[in-house]
């Protein structure tokens, strides 16, 4: 009994596993092999065509990026392919290389000819000594210039870094609004220049020194004063900043160390990180400002207070309502 195509299709619809039985037989047949081969060739042709197109596009972009030339229409009006343009460029490069070598040889010959003529006219020893002395003098002049340039660059870089650290500390201060702006500007300028002059970097950290060159120490932490501590110890700065006279609670005492405010109530200390208003406008800016304020106040990442102070400041300043960046 002959089985029709319709019967086969109906049987596969009812039981798809039939395909697993008949598929090997179909593939091994001549018709099956031909179908598979045709399908594979079709897919291969499509994929290879796409990859070749991508490669040519990459060549086109590289040619344009390096030489500013795109494949297109040649001088004779015929369409140019990428490899044809590249081949033309290779020919031009070879020609230029030949011209360069020839030119270099001509220049060298002229130079040597001139040196020989000088030797004939002035005498070999005298001319050689003159050339040597002149080259030595030129090198010494250039060396001194390089040394001075390196020194100036280092000084400028250090001054810029010092000024940046000091200004960052100044931004954490709250100035008295009753102070005339001209007076405030004059005081801050003088203070800033004085601190830059009387400071140096040790192990990458800005250290302020006394007239004898010794580091100025914080008498509480016994470490060199950071920029904020140094500013707050200056009478000129005290005269133009707001005083923290508020006592939270009858028996509470408040103390500010850097950007950290400590409130002592009946022997128990509660600390908060105080950040200048408007010093950050996003969550990322808050992290930068807060972490720098902690470091400037002597709190390192290993300090158990680090996360506690950060989290508390995050909540108090409602940072979660700000944009990410």
C-alpha atoms as a PDB file:
ATOM      1  CA  UNK A   1       0.000   0.000   0.000  1.00  0.00           C
ATOM      2  CA  UNK A   2       1.486   3.374  -1.041  1.00  0.00           C
ATOM      3  CA  UNK A   3       1.776   6.075   1.639  1.00  0.00           C
ATOM      4  CA  UNK A   4       0.905   9.585   0.511  1.00  0.00           C
ATOM      5  CA  UNK A   5       2.624  12.813   1.545  1.00  0.00           C
ATOM      6  CA  UNK A   6      -0.529  13.915   3.274  1.00  0.00           C
ATOM      7  CA  UNK A   7      -0.518  10.778   5.423  1.00  0.00           C
ATOM      8  CA  UNK A   8       3.113  11.363   6.399  1.00  0.00           C
ATOM      9  CA  UNK A   9       2.409  14.999   7.341  1.00  0.00           C
ATOM     10  CA  UNK A  10      -0.645  13.954   9.366  1.00  0.00           C
ATOM     11  CA  UNK A  11       1.370  11.260  11.182  1.00  0.00           C
ATOM     12  CA  UNK A  12       4.148  13.749  12.083  1.00  0.00           C
ATOM     13  CA  UNK A  13       1.584  16.235  13.345  1.00  0.00           C
ATOM     14  CA  UNK A  14       0.127  13.587  15.658  1.00  0.00           C
ATOM     15  CA  UNK A  15       3.500  12.204  16.761  1.00  0.00           C
ATOM     16  CA  UNK A  16       6.531  14.518  16.138  1.00  0.00           C
ATOM     17  CA  UNK A  17       8.924  11.808  17.328  1.00  0.00           C
ATOM     18  CA  UNK A  18       8.405  10.089  13.975  1.00  0.00           C
ATOM     19  CA  UNK A  19      10.851  12.671  12.562  1.00  0.00           C
ATOM     20  CA  UNK A  20      13.633  11.174  14.665  1.00  0.00           C
ATOM     21  CA  UNK A  21      13.014   7.804  12.980  1.00  0.00           C
ATOM     22  CA  UNK A  22      12.712   8.892   9.364  1.00  0.00           C
ATOM     23  CA  UNK A  23      15.200  11.823   9.379  1.00  0.00           C
ATOM     24  CA  UNK A  24      18.398   9.686   9.206  1.00  0.00           C
ATOM     25  CA  UNK A  25      16.933   7.782   6.269  1.00  0.00           C
ATOM     26  CA  UNK A  26      15.989  11.001   4.486  1.00  0.00           C
ATOM     27  CA  UNK A  27      19.440  12.561   5.033  1.00  0.00           C
ATOM     28  CA  UNK A  28      21.206   9.485   3.670  1.00  0.00           C
ATOM     29  CA  UNK A  29      19.123   9.473   0.514  1.00  0.00           C
ATOM     30  CA  UNK A  30      20.364  11.256  -2.606  1.00  0.00           C
ATOM     31  CA  UNK A  31      17.486  13.702  -2.506  1.00  0.00           C
ATOM     32  CA  UNK A  32      18.123  14.426   1.180  1.00  0.00           C
ATOM     33  CA  UNK A  33      21.836  14.936   0.649  1.00  0.00           C
ATOM     34  CA  UNK A  34      21.139  17.331  -2.203  1.00  0.00           C
ATOM     35  CA  UNK A  35      18.662  19.343  -0.118  1.00  0.00           C
ATOM     36  CA  UNK A  36      21.097  19.612   2.794  1.00  0.00           C
ATOM     37  CA  UNK A  37      23.937  20.584   0.460  1.00  0.00           C
ATOM     38  CA  UNK A  38      21.850  23.260  -1.267  1.00  0.00           C
ATOM     39  CA  UNK A  39      20.695  24.721   2.056  1.00  0.00           C
ATOM     40  CA  UNK A  40      24.244  24.740   3.452  1.00  0.00           C
ATOM     41  CA  UNK A  41      25.585  26.444   0.316  1.00  0.00           C
ATOM     42  CA  UNK A  42      22.862  29.069   0.528  1.00  0.00           C
ATOM     43  CA  UNK A  43      23.604  29.843   4.196  1.00  0.00           C
ATOM     44  CA  UNK A  44      27.353  29.827   3.565  1.00  0.00           C
ATOM     45  CA  UNK A  45      27.017  32.225   0.622  1.00  0.00           C
ATOM     46  CA  UNK A  46      24.855  34.629   2.660  1.00  0.00           C
ATOM     47  CA  UNK A  47      27.124  34.595   5.707  1.00  0.00           C
ATOM     48  CA  UNK A  48      30.359  34.890   3.725  1.00  0.00           C
ATOM     49  CA  UNK A  49      28.861  37.743   1.727  1.00  0.00           C
ATOM     50  CA  UNK A  50      28.010  39.586   4.940  1.00  0.00           C
ATOM     51  CA  UNK A  51      31.471  39.026   6.423  1.00  0.00           C
ATOM     52  CA  UNK A  52      33.204  40.162   3.211  1.00  0.00           C
ATOM     53  CA  UNK A  53      31.068  43.279   3.207  1.00  0.00           C
ATOM     54  CA  UNK A  54      32.047  44.002   6.831  1.00  0.00           C
ATOM     55  CA  UNK A  55      35.742  43.520   6.031  1.00  0.00           C
ATOM     56  CA  UNK A  56      35.562  45.909   3.078  1.00  0.00           C
ATOM     57  CA  UNK A  57      33.696  48.439   5.189  1.00  0.00           C
ATOM     58  CA  UNK A  58      36.456  48.190   7.831  1.00  0.00           C
ATOM     59  CA  UNK A  59      39.102  48.716   5.124  1.00  0.00           C
ATOM     60  CA  UNK A  60      37.162  51.755   3.882  1.00  0.00           C
ATOM     61  CA  UNK A  61      36.974  53.264   7.367  1.00  0.00           C
ATOM     62  CA  UNK A  62      40.659  52.571   8.130  1.00  0.00           C
ATOM     63  CA  UNK A  63      41.707  54.114   4.804  1.00  0.00           C
ATOM     64  CA  UNK A  64      39.662  57.228   5.514  1.00  0.00           C
ATOM     65  CA  UNK A  65      40.786  57.475   9.162  1.00  0.00           C
ATOM     66  CA  UNK A  66      44.509  57.215   8.359  1.00  0.00           C
ATOM     67  CA  UNK A  67      44.774  58.929   4.956  1.00  0.00           C
ATOM     68  CA  UNK A  68      41.516  60.870   4.599  1.00  0.00           C
ATOM     69  CA  UNK A  69      40.703  58.997   1.368  1.00  0.00           C
ATOM     70  CA  UNK A  70      37.605  56.976   0.515  1.00  0.00           C
ATOM     71  CA  UNK A  71      37.101  54.503  -2.300  1.00  0.00           C
ATOM     72  CA  UNK A  72      34.800  55.851  -4.969  1.00  0.00           C
ATOM     73  CA  UNK A  73      35.193  57.050  -8.536  1.00  0.00           C
ATOM     74  CA  UNK A  74      38.692  57.189 -10.014  1.00  0.00           C
ATOM     75  CA  UNK A  75      40.179  59.845 -12.287  1.00  0.00           C
ATOM     76  CA  UNK A  76      39.002  57.952 -15.374  1.00  0.00           C
ATOM     77  CA  UNK A  77      35.416  57.892 -14.104  1.00  0.00           C
ATOM     78  CA  UNK A  78      35.464  54.176 -13.284  1.00  0.00           C
ATOM     79  CA  UNK A  79      34.433  52.957  -9.833  1.00  0.00           C
ATOM     80  CA  UNK A  80      37.425  52.293  -7.583  1.00  0.00           C
ATOM     81  CA  UNK A  81      37.516  49.503  -5.053  1.00  0.00           C
ATOM     82  CA  UNK A  82      39.171  49.797  -1.687  1.00  0.00           C
ATOM     83  CA  UNK A  83      42.115  47.557  -2.526  1.00  0.00           C
ATOM     84  CA  UNK A  84      42.703  49.544  -5.737  1.00  0.00           C
ATOM     85  CA  UNK A  85      42.939  52.803  -3.764  1.00  0.00           C
ATOM     86  CA  UNK A  86      45.224  51.132  -1.207  1.00  0.00           C
ATOM     87  CA  UNK A  87      47.466  49.765  -3.968  1.00  0.00           C
ATOM     88  CA  UNK A  88      47.741  53.246  -5.460  1.00  0.00           C
ATOM     89  CA  UNK A  89      48.710  54.631  -2.026  1.00  0.00           C
ATOM     90  CA  UNK A  90      51.342  51.909  -1.622  1.00  0.00           C
ATOM     91  CA  UNK A  91      52.873  52.999  -4.930  1.00  0.00           C
ATOM     92  CA  UNK A  92      52.953  56.646  -3.802  1.00  0.00           C
ATOM     93  CA  UNK A  93      54.516  55.617  -0.474  1.00  0.00           C
ATOM     94  CA  UNK A  94      57.253  53.653  -2.257  1.00  0.00           C
ATOM     95  CA  UNK A  95      57.967  56.653  -4.467  1.00  0.00           C
ATOM     96  CA  UNK A  96      58.162  59.013  -1.454  1.00  0.00           C
ATOM     97  CA  UNK A  97      60.476  56.629   0.389  1.00  0.00           C
ATOM     98  CA  UNK A  98      62.814  56.624  -2.588  1.00  0.00           C
ATOM     99  CA  UNK A  99      62.769  60.423  -2.700  1.00  0.00           C
ATOM    100  CA  UNK A 100      63.461  60.610   1.049  1.00  0.00           C
ATOM    101  CA  UNK A 101      66.456  58.278   0.806  1.00  0.00           C
ATOM    102  CA  UNK A 102      67.832  60.188  -2.154  1.00  0.00           C
ATOM    103  CA  UNK A 103      67.305  63.551  -0.418  1.00  0.00           C
ATOM    104  CA  UNK A 104      68.936  62.325   2.798  1.00  0.00           C
ATOM    105  CA  UNK A 105      71.965  61.119   0.884  1.00  0.00           C
ATOM    106  CA  UNK A 106      72.286  64.458  -0.966  1.00  0.00           C
ATOM    107  CA  UNK A 107      72.071  66.452   2.266  1.00  0.00           C
ATOM    108  CA  UNK A 108      74.633  64.236   3.990  1.00  0.00           C
ATOM    109  CA  UNK A 109      77.016  64.529   1.025  1.00  0.00           C
ATOM    110  CA  UNK A 110      76.690  68.328   1.107  1.00  0.00           C
ATOM    111  CA  UNK A 111      77.334  68.409   4.842  1.00  0.00           C
ATOM    112  CA  UNK A 112      80.404  66.199   4.604  1.00  0.00           C
ATOM    113  CA  UNK A 113      81.701  68.212   1.656  1.00  0.00           C
ATOM    114  CA  UNK A 114      81.389  71.413   3.687  1.00  0.00           C
ATOM    115  CA  UNK A 115      83.177  69.847   6.668  1.00  0.00           C
ATOM    116  CA  UNK A 116      86.014  68.665   4.423  1.00  0.00           C
ATOM    117  CA  UNK A 117      86.417  72.163   2.942  1.00  0.00           C
ATOM    118  CA  UNK A 118      86.598  73.653   6.437  1.00  0.00           C
ATOM    119  CA  UNK A 119      89.242  71.117   7.398  1.00  0.00           C
ATOM    120  CA  UNK A 120      91.289  72.112   4.357  1.00  0.00           C
ATOM    121  CA  UNK A 121      91.021  75.864   5.082  1.00  0.00           C
ATOM    122  CA  UNK A 122      91.323  75.921   8.912  1.00  0.00           C
ATOM    123  CA  UNK A 123      93.296  72.825   9.723  1.00  0.00           C
ATOM    124  CA  UNK A 124      91.800  69.614  11.027  1.00  0.00           C
ATOM    125  CA  UNK A 125      92.581  69.888  14.739  1.00  0.00           C
ATOM    126  CA  UNK A 126      91.418  73.473  15.115  1.00  0.00           C
ATOM    127  CA  UNK A 127      88.144  72.859  13.314  1.00  0.00           C
ATOM    128  CA  UNK A 128      87.358  69.662  15.229  1.00  0.00           C
ATOM    129  CA  UNK A 129      88.053  71.391  18.571  1.00  0.00           C
ATOM    130  CA  UNK A 130      85.823  74.291  17.547  1.00  0.00           C
ATOM    131  CA  UNK A 131      82.974  71.974  16.567  1.00  0.00           C
ATOM    132  CA  UNK A 132      83.366  70.063  19.855  1.00  0.00           C
ATOM    133  CA  UNK A 133      83.405  73.222  22.001  1.00  0.00           C
ATOM    134  CA  UNK A 134      80.377  74.633  20.247  1.00  0.00           C
ATOM    135  CA  UNK A 135      78.426  71.371  20.634  1.00  0.00           C
ATOM    136  CA  UNK A 136      79.417  71.187  24.325  1.00  0.00           C
ATOM    137  CA  UNK A 137      78.301  74.764  24.971  1.00  0.00           C
ATOM    138  CA  UNK A 138      75.009  74.177  23.171  1.00  0.00           C
ATOM    139  CA  UNK A 139      74.329  71.005  25.171  1.00  0.00           C
ATOM    140  CA  UNK A 140      75.109  72.693  28.499  1.00  0.00           C
ATOM    141  CA  UNK A 141      72.768  75.585  27.636  1.00  0.00           C
ATOM    142  CA  UNK A 142      69.975  73.181  26.684  1.00  0.00           C
ATOM    143  CA  UNK A 143      70.593  71.043  29.793  1.00  0.00           C
ATOM    144  CA  UNK A 144      70.283  74.039  32.089  1.00  0.00           C
ATOM    145  CA  UNK A 145      67.090  75.032  30.314  1.00  0.00           C
ATOM    146  CA  UNK A 146      65.630  71.546  30.790  1.00  0.00           C
ATOM    147  CA  UNK A 147      66.580  71.502  34.482  1.00  0.00           C
ATOM    148  CA  UNK A 148      64.947  74.897  35.049  1.00  0.00           C
ATOM    149  CA  UNK A 149      61.836  73.853  33.124  1.00  0.00           C
ATOM    150  CA  UNK A 150      61.509  70.653  35.169  1.00  0.00           C
ATOM    151  CA  UNK A 151      61.974  72.609  38.414  1.00  0.00           C
ATOM    152  CA  UNK A 152      59.402  75.247  37.429  1.00  0.00           C
ATOM    153  CA  UNK A 153      56.905  72.577  36.411  1.00  0.00           C
ATOM    154  CA  UNK A 154      57.331  70.714  39.703  1.00  0.00           C
ATOM    155  CA  UNK A 155      56.886  73.939  41.696  1.00  0.00           C
ATOM    156  CA  UNK A 156      53.782  74.915  39.736  1.00  0.00           C
ATOM    157  CA  UNK A 157      52.286  71.446  40.170  1.00  0.00           C
ATOM    158  CA  UNK A 158      52.910  71.436  43.927  1.00  0.00           C
ATOM    159  CA  UNK A 159      51.502  74.956  44.311  1.00  0.00           C
ATOM    160  CA  UNK A 160      48.384  73.975  42.390  1.00  0.00           C
ATOM    161  CA  UNK A 161      47.864  70.877  44.567  1.00  0.00           C
ATOM    162  CA  UNK A 162      48.421  72.906  47.755  1.00  0.00           C
ATOM    163  CA  UNK A 163      45.952  75.571  46.616  1.00  0.00           C
ATOM    164  CA  UNK A 164      43.394  72.880  45.732  1.00  0.00           C
ATOM    165  CA  UNK A 165      43.621  71.246  49.187  1.00  0.00           C
ATOM    166  CA  UNK A 166      43.414  74.595  50.992  1.00  0.00           C
ATOM    167  CA  UNK A 167      40.425  75.797  48.932  1.00  0.00           C
ATOM    168  CA  UNK A 168      38.668  72.490  49.613  1.00  0.00           C
ATOM    169  CA  UNK A 169      39.080  73.146  53.334  1.00  0.00           C
ATOM    170  CA  UNK A 170      37.911  76.759  52.949  1.00  0.00           C
ATOM    171  CA  UNK A 171      34.711  75.500  51.329  1.00  0.00           C
ATOM    172  CA  UNK A 172      33.898  73.670  54.565  1.00  0.00           C
ATOM    173  CA  UNK A 173      33.921  76.865  56.634  1.00  0.00           C
ATOM    174  CA  UNK A 174      30.848  78.983  57.326  1.00  0.00           C
ATOM    175  CA  UNK A 175      31.718  82.659  57.067  1.00  0.00           C
ATOM    176  CA  UNK A 176      30.041  85.469  58.959  1.00  0.00           C
ATOM    177  CA  UNK A 177      27.678  87.214  56.507  1.00  0.00           C
ATOM    178  CA  UNK A 178      28.346  90.524  58.280  1.00  0.00           C
ATOM    179  CA  UNK A 179      31.992  90.488  57.138  1.00  0.00           C
ATOM    180  CA  UNK A 180      32.502  92.838  54.153  1.00  0.00           C
ATOM    181  CA  UNK A 181      33.336  90.891  51.009  1.00  0.00           C
ATOM    182  CA  UNK A 182      36.478  92.967  50.395  1.00  0.00           C
ATOM    183  CA  UNK A 183      37.796  92.194  53.874  1.00  0.00           C
ATOM    184  CA  UNK A 184      36.950  88.500  53.506  1.00  0.00           C
ATOM    185  CA  UNK A 185      38.712  88.320  50.120  1.00  0.00           C
ATOM    186  CA  UNK A 186      41.821  90.083  51.434  1.00  0.00           C
ATOM    187  CA  UNK A 187      42.072  87.803  54.499  1.00  0.00           C
ATOM    188  CA  UNK A 188      41.527  84.594  52.508  1.00  0.00           C
ATOM    189  CA  UNK A 189      44.077  85.606  49.874  1.00  0.00           C
ATOM    190  CA  UNK A 190      46.740  86.373  52.492  1.00  0.00           C
ATOM    191  CA  UNK A 191      45.981  83.196  54.446  1.00  0.00           C
ATOM    192  CA  UNK A 192      46.064  81.042  51.323  1.00  0.00           C
ATOM    193  CA  UNK A 193      49.416  82.431  50.126  1.00  0.00           C
ATOM    194  CA  UNK A 194      50.918  82.092  53.622  1.00  0.00           C
ATOM    195  CA  UNK A 195      49.817  78.462  53.937  1.00  0.00           C
ATOM    196  CA  UNK A 196      51.164  77.624  50.481  1.00  0.00           C
ATOM    197  CA  UNK A 197      54.514  79.203  51.349  1.00  0.00           C
ATOM    198  CA  UNK A 198      54.782  77.472  54.737  1.00  0.00           C
ATOM    199  CA  UNK A 199      53.905  73.928  53.701  1.00  0.00           C
ATOM    200  CA  UNK A 200      55.363  70.944  51.909  1.00  0.00           C
ATOM    201  CA  UNK A 201      54.386  67.457  50.757  1.00  0.00           C
ATOM    202  CA  UNK A 202      55.516  64.430  52.731  1.00  0.00           C
ATOM    203  CA  UNK A 203      54.536  61.014  51.398  1.00  0.00           C
ATOM    204  CA  UNK A 204      51.893  62.655  49.239  1.00  0.00           C
ATOM    205  CA  UNK A 205      50.266  64.485  52.193  1.00  0.00           C
ATOM    206  CA  UNK A 206      50.227  68.267  52.665  1.00  0.00           C
ATOM    207  CA  UNK A 207      52.090  69.202  55.872  1.00  0.00           C
ATOM    208  CA  UNK A 208      52.238  72.725  57.344  1.00  0.00           C
ATOM    209  CA  UNK A 209      55.488  73.817  59.004  1.00  0.00           C
ATOM    210  CA  UNK A 210      56.554  76.441  61.534  1.00  0.00           C
ATOM    211  CA  UNK A 211      59.348  79.017  60.940  1.00  0.00           C
ATOM    212  CA  UNK A 212      61.905  76.347  61.899  1.00  0.00           C
ATOM    213  CA  UNK A 213      60.556  73.957  59.280  1.00  0.00           C
ATOM    214  CA  UNK A 214      58.978  71.569  61.797  1.00  0.00           C
ATOM    215  CA  UNK A 215      55.485  70.113  61.133  1.00  0.00           C
ATOM    216  CA  UNK A 216      52.669  71.838  63.039  1.00  0.00           C
ATOM    217  CA  UNK A 217      51.039  69.117  65.137  1.00  0.00           C
ATOM    218  CA  UNK A 218      47.439  68.668  66.295  1.00  0.00           C
ATOM    219  CA  UNK A 219      47.755  68.401  70.067  1.00  0.00           C
ATOM    220  CA  UNK A 220      44.811  65.990  70.254  1.00  0.00           C
ATOM    221  CA  UNK A 221      45.724  63.451  67.574  1.00  0.00           C
ATOM    222  CA  UNK A 222      49.494  64.181  67.599  1.00  0.00           C
ATOM    223  CA  UNK A 223      49.450  64.154  63.810  1.00  0.00           C
ATOM    224  CA  UNK A 224      50.289  67.015  61.429  1.00  0.00           C
ATOM    225  CA  UNK A 225      47.347  69.386  61.152  1.00  0.00           C
ATOM    226  CA  UNK A 226      45.260  68.969  58.015  1.00  0.00           C
ATOM    227  CA  UNK A 227      44.231  72.055  55.973  1.00  0.00           C
ATOM    228  CA  UNK A 228      40.906  72.496  57.792  1.00  0.00           C
ATOM    229  CA  UNK A 229      42.489  72.223  61.236  1.00  0.00           C
ATOM    230  CA  UNK A 230      45.197  74.677  60.206  1.00  0.00           C
ATOM    231  CA  UNK A 231      42.635  77.201  58.973  1.00  0.00           C
ATOM    232  CA  UNK A 232      40.514  76.938  62.109  1.00  0.00           C
ATOM    233  CA  UNK A 233      43.586  77.612  64.280  1.00  0.00           C
ATOM    234  CA  UNK A 234      44.278  80.975  62.600  1.00  0.00           C
ATOM    235  CA  UNK A 235      42.975  84.124  64.328  1.00  0.00           C
ATOM    236  CA  UNK A 236      42.295  85.800  60.981  1.00  0.00           C
ATOM    237  CA  UNK A 237      39.946  82.962  59.997  1.00  0.00           C
ATOM    238  CA  UNK A 238      38.282  82.919  63.399  1.00  0.00           C
ATOM    239  CA  UNK A 239      37.451  86.614  62.981  1.00  0.00           C
ATOM    240  CA  UNK A 240      35.392  86.045  59.825  1.00  0.00           C
ATOM    241  CA  UNK A 241      33.735  82.673  60.508  1.00  0.00           C
ATOM    242  CA  UNK A 242      30.570  81.903  62.423  1.00  0.00           C
ATOM    243  CA  UNK A 243      30.962  80.667  65.966  1.00  0.00           C
ATOM    244  CA  UNK A 244      29.225  77.470  67.019  1.00  0.00           C
ATOM    245  CA  UNK A 245      27.795  78.708  70.321  1.00  0.00           C
ATOM    246  CA  UNK A 246      24.672  76.547  70.370  1.00  0.00           C
ATOM    247  CA  UNK A 247      24.481  74.005  73.175  1.00  0.00           C
ATOM    248  CA  UNK A 248      22.003  71.218  72.270  1.00  0.00           C
ATOM    249  CA  UNK A 249      20.333  70.479  75.617  1.00  0.00           C
ATOM    250  CA  UNK A 250      21.036  71.781  79.082  1.00  0.00           C
ATOM    251  CA  UNK A 251      24.031  69.528  79.804  1.00  0.00           C
ATOM    252  CA  UNK A 252      25.207  69.025  76.208  1.00  0.00           C
ATOM    253  CA  UNK A 253      28.567  70.258  74.975  1.00  0.00           C
ATOM    254  CA  UNK A 254      29.432  70.498  71.298  1.00  0.00           C
ATOM    255  CA  UNK A 255      32.948  70.260  69.836  1.00  0.00           C
ATOM    256  CA  UNK A 256      33.945  70.461  66.157  1.00  0.00           C
ATOM    257  CA  UNK A 257      37.036  68.674  64.919  1.00  0.00           C
ATOM    258  CA  UNK A 258      37.511  69.245  61.193  1.00  0.00           C
ATOM    259  CA  UNK A 259      34.116  68.362  59.682  1.00  0.00           C
ATOM    260  CA  UNK A 260      33.078  66.133  62.576  1.00  0.00           C
ATOM    261  CA  UNK A 261      30.813  67.574  65.240  1.00  0.00           C
ATOM    262  CA  UNK A 262      30.829  65.773  68.596  1.00  0.00           C
ATOM    263  CA  UNK A 263      28.025  66.345  71.109  1.00  0.00           C
ATOM    264  CA  UNK A 264      28.700  65.083  74.623  1.00  0.00           C
ATOM    265  CA  UNK A 265      25.655  64.456  76.817  1.00  0.00           C
ATOM    266  CA  UNK A 266      26.322  63.078  80.273  1.00  0.00           C
ATOM    267  CA  UNK A 267      29.574  61.484  79.184  1.00  0.00           C
ATOM    268  CA  UNK A 268      28.187  59.943  75.982  1.00  0.00           C
ATOM    269  CA  UNK A 269      29.511  61.227  72.649  1.00  0.00           C
ATOM    270  CA  UNK A 270      27.412  61.449  69.502  1.00  0.00           C
ATOM    271  CA  UNK A 271      29.198  62.391  66.303  1.00  0.00           C
ATOM    272  CA  UNK A 272      27.931  63.835  63.016  1.00  0.00           C
ATOM    273  CA  UNK A 273      29.586  64.716  59.726  1.00  0.00           C
ATOM    274  CA  UNK A 274      28.916  68.389  58.925  1.00  0.00           C
ATOM    275  CA  UNK A 275      29.074  69.309  55.225  1.00  0.00           C
ATOM    276  CA  UNK A 276      28.787  72.854  53.810  1.00  0.00           C
ATOM    277  CA  UNK A 277      25.395  73.635  52.351  1.00  0.00           C
ATOM    278  CA  UNK A 278      25.385  73.473  48.560  1.00  0.00           C
ATOM    279  CA  UNK A 279      28.689  71.564  48.366  1.00  0.00           C
ATOM    280  CA  UNK A 280      27.010  68.704  46.463  1.00  0.00           C
ATOM    281  CA  UNK A 281      24.057  68.355  44.109  1.00  0.00           C
ATOM    282  CA  UNK A 282      24.042  64.616  43.389  1.00  0.00           C
ATOM    283  CA  UNK A 283      24.683  61.323  45.153  1.00  0.00           C
ATOM    284  CA  UNK A 284      28.066  60.903  43.462  1.00  0.00           C
ATOM    285  CA  UNK A 285      29.124  64.445  44.483  1.00  0.00           C
ATOM    286  CA  UNK A 286      27.986  63.713  48.050  1.00  0.00           C
ATOM    287  CA  UNK A 287      30.253  60.656  48.184  1.00  0.00           C
ATOM    288  CA  UNK A 288      33.255  62.659  46.966  1.00  0.00           C
ATOM    289  CA  UNK A 289      32.679  65.592  49.349  1.00  0.00           C
ATOM    290  CA  UNK A 290      31.812  63.419  52.360  1.00  0.00           C
ATOM    291  CA  UNK A 291      34.734  61.011  51.947  1.00  0.00           C
ATOM    292  CA  UNK A 292      37.225  63.860  51.522  1.00  0.00           C
ATOM    293  CA  UNK A 293      35.792  65.623  54.593  1.00  0.00           C
ATOM    294  CA  UNK A 294      36.257  62.433  56.641  1.00  0.00           C
ATOM    295  CA  UNK A 295      39.851  61.976  55.470  1.00  0.00           C
ATOM    296  CA  UNK A 296      40.648  65.651  56.133  1.00  0.00           C
ATOM    297  CA  UNK A 297      39.209  65.216  59.631  1.00  0.00           C
ATOM    298  CA  UNK A 298      41.511  62.272  60.353  1.00  0.00           C
ATOM    299  CA  UNK A 299      38.964  59.465  59.879  1.00  0.00           C
ATOM    300  CA  UNK A 300      40.367  56.729  57.618  1.00  0.00           C
ATOM    301  CA  UNK A 301      38.455  53.983  55.826  1.00  0.00           C
ATOM    302  CA  UNK A 302      39.627  51.479  58.420  1.00  0.00           C
ATOM    303  CA  UNK A 303      38.111  53.571  61.227  1.00  0.00           C
ATOM    304  CA  UNK A 304      34.846  51.985  62.490  1.00  0.00           C
ATOM    305  CA  UNK A 305      33.282  55.467  62.429  1.00  0.00           C
ATOM    306  CA  UNK A 306      33.717  55.757  58.645  1.00  0.00           C
ATOM    307  CA  UNK A 307      30.521  53.956  57.535  1.00  0.00           C
ATOM    308  CA  UNK A 308      28.498  55.183  60.532  1.00  0.00           C
ATOM    309  CA  UNK A 309      29.262  58.853  59.825  1.00  0.00           C
ATOM    310  CA  UNK A 310      28.717  58.439  56.073  1.00  0.00           C
ATOM    311  CA  UNK A 311      25.328  56.724  56.517  1.00  0.00           C
ATOM    312  CA  UNK A 312      24.180  59.284  59.068  1.00  0.00           C
ATOM    313  CA  UNK A 313      25.152  62.217  56.833  1.00  0.00           C
ATOM    314  CA  UNK A 314      23.441  60.477  53.900  1.00  0.00           C
ATOM    315  CA  UNK A 315      20.142  60.362  55.823  1.00  0.00           C
ATOM    316  CA  UNK A 316      20.412  63.815  57.418  1.00  0.00           C
ATOM    317  CA  UNK A 317      21.086  65.475  54.049  1.00  0.00           C
ATOM    318  CA  UNK A 318      18.325  63.424  52.305  1.00  0.00           C
ATOM    319  CA  UNK A 319      20.828  62.355  49.635  1.00  0.00           C
ATOM    320  CA  UNK A 320      18.444  59.628  48.394  1.00  0.00           C
ATOM    321  CA  UNK A 321      16.283  62.374  46.883  1.00  0.00           C
ATOM    322  CA  UNK A 322      19.159  63.701  44.740  1.00  0.00           C
ATOM    323  CA  UNK A 323      20.045  62.513  41.209  1.00  0.00           C
ATOM    324  CA  UNK A 324      22.750  59.872  40.852  1.00  0.00           C
ATOM    325  CA  UNK A 325      25.146  62.182  38.974  1.00  0.00           C
END
